[in-house]
Amino acid sequence: MTFKTTCAAAAVLFAAAGATYAQDWTGSYGGAQVGLGKTDLTGFVTPLPFIRYSGDGSFGSNLMGGGFAGHNWQVTPNLVFGAELDIALGTIEGQGTAVGGPTEIFTHSYSNTVALRLRAGYATGAFLPYIALGMASSEFEFTTGGTLSPNSRTDRITGMTYGLGLDWARTEDRFLRIELRETEYDNQSYTGLSGGVFPITASDLSTREVRVGYGMNF
């Protein structure tokens, strides 16, 4: 089952069990979340871009957990705006191998991600489908190994994060959530790795996640 198919099926299951009342979404809220993520990784030797590496991660080995808090403003019976801060503890990791050069293994991992986002949603009954856009910050570790000298570098990097989700009110003060999220980071360049022969550029840095959560309105 593909990533998009999994998210679509989960959203249908949420919608199929809908409540019968109209929820007032105005106010502050907070909750807990868990999720799975993956990353596809690419990169190249900076002055020799034909020497590249590529690979991907697996959803099954990248479990995260954390929390979220925010505030909603329901400006019309249907239109809801909000701001939210969330944190995800855990690591999303992927591994790739070099093409066109020495036998080398490259690993990208993203840990302890914090995001600040704006949300816009359309309230209908007990449901609030929404889109989200904001900034994310993650501890990014770039590791090399194989025939050359193993080495690693860790930096906190930032990027844009995009989300598509659904909040489902189960009572007036409790709700469930499912969200599909993608985060894109800027390329990172490193020198002194794998013997320091050439600088290496880690490119197309991104993660894709499915998160589910349980929240309370205050």
Protein backbone atom coordinates (compact mmCIF):
# COMPACT_ATOMS: atom_id res chain seq x y z
CA MET A 1 0.00 0.00 0.00
CA THR A 2 1.43 3.37 -1.01
CA PHE A 3 1.93 6.36 1.29
CA LYS A 4 -0.90 8.35 -0.30
CA THR A 5 -3.25 5.36 -0.33
CA THR A 6 -2.65 4.73 3.37
CA CYS A 7 -3.47 8.33 4.28
CA ALA A 8 -6.58 8.40 2.07
CA ALA A 9 -7.89 5.18 3.60
CA ALA A 10 -7.37 6.49 7.13
CA ALA A 11 -9.20 9.71 6.30
CA VAL A 12 -12.16 7.75 4.94
CA LEU A 13 -12.33 5.71 8.14
CA PHE A 14 -12.45 8.91 10.21
CA ALA A 15 -15.20 10.36 8.05
CA ALA A 16 -17.28 7.20 8.05
CA ALA A 17 -17.88 7.37 11.81
CA GLY A 18 -18.92 11.02 12.05
CA ALA A 19 -20.70 12.69 14.93
CA THR A 20 -24.00 14.50 14.44
CA TYR A 21 -23.36 17.89 16.08
CA ALA A 22 -21.61 21.07 14.93
CA GLN A 23 -18.36 21.73 16.76
CA ASP A 24 -17.21 25.19 17.87
CA TRP A 25 -13.48 25.16 17.12
CA THR A 26 -12.57 28.54 18.63
CA GLY A 27 -10.06 28.37 21.49
CA SER A 28 -6.79 26.85 22.61
CA TYR A 29 -5.96 23.16 22.44
CA GLY A 30 -3.17 20.66 23.02
CA GLY A 31 -2.52 16.98 22.59
CA ALA A 32 -0.21 14.05 21.91
CA GLN A 33 0.78 12.52 18.61
CA VAL A 34 2.61 9.54 17.14
CA GLY A 35 3.69 8.96 13.57
CA LEU A 36 5.76 7.18 10.98
CA GLY A 37 8.10 8.84 8.51
CA LYS A 38 10.49 8.19 5.67
CA THR A 39 13.08 10.05 3.65
CA ASP A 40 14.41 9.65 0.13
CA LEU A 41 18.02 10.80 -0.05
CA THR A 42 20.28 12.00 -2.83
CA GLY A 43 23.59 13.81 -2.99
CA PHE A 44 26.76 14.26 -4.96
CA VAL A 45 30.45 15.10 -4.78
CA THR A 46 30.26 18.89 -5.08
CA PRO A 47 32.87 19.46 -7.86
CA LEU A 48 32.06 16.12 -9.57
CA PRO A 49 28.23 15.95 -9.71
CA PHE A 50 28.28 12.78 -11.82
CA ILE A 51 29.50 10.93 -8.68
CA ARG A 52 26.20 10.66 -6.86
CA TYR A 53 24.48 8.63 -4.20
CA SER A 54 20.82 7.81 -3.67
CA GLY A 55 18.58 5.69 -1.48
CA ASP A 56 15.47 5.77 0.68
CA GLY A 57 14.14 4.87 4.09
CA SER A 58 11.31 2.71 5.36
CA PHE A 59 8.17 3.73 7.25
CA GLY A 60 8.36 0.63 9.43
CA SER A 61 11.58 1.64 11.23
CA ASN A 62 10.98 5.37 11.75
CA LEU A 63 8.58 5.82 14.68
CA MET A 64 8.09 9.22 16.32
CA GLY A 65 6.12 10.59 19.24
CA GLY A 66 5.47 14.03 20.68
CA GLY A 67 2.89 16.70 21.25
CA PHE A 68 1.19 19.77 19.81
CA ALA A 69 -0.47 22.95 21.07
CA GLY A 70 -2.23 25.79 19.33
CA HIS A 71 -5.14 28.16 19.03
CA ASN A 72 -8.06 28.32 16.57
CA TRP A 73 -10.19 31.26 15.48
CA GLN A 74 -13.51 30.31 13.85
CA VAL A 75 -14.17 33.51 11.90
CA THR A 76 -17.33 32.25 10.11
CA PRO A 77 -19.55 29.20 10.68
CA ASN A 78 -17.22 27.24 8.39
CA LEU A 79 -13.88 29.06 8.12
CA VAL A 80 -11.25 28.37 10.80
CA PHE A 81 -7.74 29.83 11.07
CA GLY A 82 -5.12 28.79 13.57
CA ALA A 83 -1.51 28.71 14.70
CA GLU A 84 0.22 25.65 16.11
CA LEU A 85 3.53 24.54 17.62
CA ASP A 86 4.47 20.86 17.63
CA ILE A 87 7.41 18.62 18.48
CA ALA A 88 8.20 15.11 17.28
CA LEU A 89 10.81 13.10 19.20
CA GLY A 90 12.46 10.24 17.35
CA THR A 91 14.44 9.74 14.16
CA ILE A 92 13.60 9.46 10.46
CA GLU A 93 16.49 7.78 8.67
CA GLY A 94 17.43 6.66 5.18
CA GLN A 95 20.53 5.09 3.65
CA GLY A 96 22.00 5.27 0.15
CA THR A 97 25.00 4.07 -1.82
CA ALA A 98 27.32 5.84 -4.24
CA VAL A 99 27.05 5.56 -8.02
CA GLY A 100 30.04 6.37 -10.22
CA GLY A 101 32.62 6.43 -7.45
CA PRO A 102 34.07 4.39 -4.55
CA THR A 103 31.86 1.94 -2.66
CA GLU A 104 30.49 4.36 -0.12
CA ILE A 105 27.43 4.35 2.17
CA PHE A 106 25.62 7.58 3.04
CA THR A 107 23.02 8.04 5.78
CA HIS A 108 20.62 10.93 6.36
CA SER A 109 18.76 11.11 9.68
CA TYR A 110 16.37 13.74 11.07
CA SER A 111 15.72 13.86 14.83
CA ASN A 112 13.73 15.88 17.36
CA THR A 113 11.81 18.05 14.92
CA VAL A 114 10.04 21.24 16.02
CA ALA A 115 7.54 23.04 13.75
CA LEU A 116 5.61 26.30 13.95
CA ARG A 117 2.71 26.42 11.49
CA LEU A 118 -0.34 28.37 10.38
CA ARG A 119 -3.50 26.42 9.62
CA ALA A 120 -6.64 27.08 7.59
CA GLY A 121 -9.62 24.75 7.75
CA TYR A 122 -13.23 24.29 6.72
CA ALA A 123 -15.51 23.24 9.59
CA THR A 124 -18.35 20.92 8.72
CA GLY A 125 -20.22 19.28 11.56
CA ALA A 126 -17.73 17.48 13.78
CA PHE A 127 -14.98 17.60 11.16
CA LEU A 128 -12.25 20.13 10.44
CA PRO A 129 -10.24 19.29 7.32
CA TYR A 130 -7.29 21.67 7.11
CA ILE A 131 -4.09 22.64 5.36
CA ALA A 132 -0.99 23.81 7.24
CA LEU A 133 2.14 25.72 6.27
CA GLY A 134 5.11 26.74 8.36
CA MET A 135 8.74 26.35 9.36
CA ALA A 136 10.40 23.24 10.79
CA SER A 137 13.74 22.68 12.50
CA SER A 138 15.43 19.29 12.82
CA GLU A 139 18.72 17.79 14.01
CA PHE A 140 20.19 16.48 10.75
CA GLU A 141 23.00 13.92 10.89
CA PHE A 142 24.96 13.18 7.72
CA THR A 143 27.08 10.01 7.94
CA THR A 144 29.51 8.42 5.51
CA GLY A 145 31.04 4.95 5.60
CA GLY A 146 32.25 2.13 3.38
CA THR A 147 35.65 1.99 1.71
CA LEU A 148 36.66 5.48 2.86
CA SER A 149 36.99 6.79 6.40
CA PRO A 150 33.67 6.67 8.33
CA ASN A 151 32.62 10.08 9.60
CA SER A 152 29.53 12.06 10.54
CA ARG A 153 28.34 15.62 11.02
CA THR A 154 25.29 16.84 12.93
CA ASP A 155 23.66 20.25 12.44
CA ARG A 156 20.26 21.75 13.21
CA ILE A 157 18.68 22.68 9.89
CA THR A 158 15.45 24.48 8.99
CA GLY A 159 12.97 24.21 6.14
CA MET A 160 9.38 24.57 4.99
CA THR A 161 6.73 22.12 6.14
CA TYR A 162 3.35 21.43 4.52
CA GLY A 163 0.45 19.47 5.95
CA LEU A 164 -2.97 18.15 4.97
CA GLY A 165 -5.05 16.82 7.83
CA LEU A 166 -8.36 16.20 9.52
CA ASP A 167 -9.48 16.95 13.09
CA TRP A 168 -12.53 14.95 14.20
CA ALA A 169 -14.40 16.14 17.31
CA ARG A 170 -15.53 13.21 19.44
CA THR A 171 -16.96 15.46 22.19
CA GLU A 172 -17.03 19.23 22.73
CA ASP A 173 -13.54 19.17 24.25
CA ARG A 174 -11.81 16.14 22.72
CA PHE A 175 -10.78 15.34 19.15
CA LEU A 176 -8.81 12.88 17.05
CA ARG A 177 -6.41 13.87 14.28
CA ILE A 178 -4.76 12.40 11.22
CA GLU A 179 -2.27 14.29 9.06
CA LEU A 180 -0.08 13.79 6.02
CA ARG A 181 3.01 16.02 6.21
CA GLU A 182 6.01 16.81 4.03
CA THR A 183 9.02 18.90 5.04
CA GLU A 184 11.68 20.23 2.65
CA TYR A 185 15.10 21.43 3.80
CA ASP A 186 17.89 23.35 2.03
CA ASN A 187 20.87 21.49 0.58
CA GLN A 188 23.79 20.98 2.97
CA SER A 189 27.48 20.93 1.99
CA TYR A 190 30.19 19.15 4.01
CA THR A 191 33.97 19.08 3.82
CA GLY A 192 36.42 16.84 5.64
CA LEU A 193 34.21 13.73 5.42
CA SER A 194 35.35 10.41 3.95
CA GLY A 195 39.00 11.39 4.05
CA GLY A 196 38.32 15.01 3.08
CA VAL A 197 39.14 14.49 -0.61
CA PHE A 198 36.16 16.46 -1.94
CA PRO A 199 33.25 18.36 -0.40
CA ILE A 200 29.93 16.52 -0.51
CA THR A 201 26.51 18.07 -1.07
CA ALA A 202 23.45 16.44 0.52
CA SER A 203 20.59 17.47 -1.77
CA ASP A 204 16.80 17.11 -1.99
CA LEU A 205 16.53 16.90 1.80
CA SER A 206 12.95 16.05 2.71
CA THR A 207 10.79 13.86 4.94
CA ARG A 208 7.27 12.50 4.50
CA GLU A 209 5.18 11.53 7.51
CA VAL A 210 1.83 10.18 8.62
CA ARG A 211 0.82 11.35 12.10
CA VAL A 212 -2.19 10.56 14.28
CA GLY A 213 -3.05 12.44 17.45
CA TYR A 214 -5.44 12.90 20.35
CA GLY A 215 -6.24 16.42 21.52
CA MET A 216 -8.22 18.40 24.09
CA ASN A 217 -9.78 21.86 23.77
CA PHE A 218 -9.29 24.27 26.68
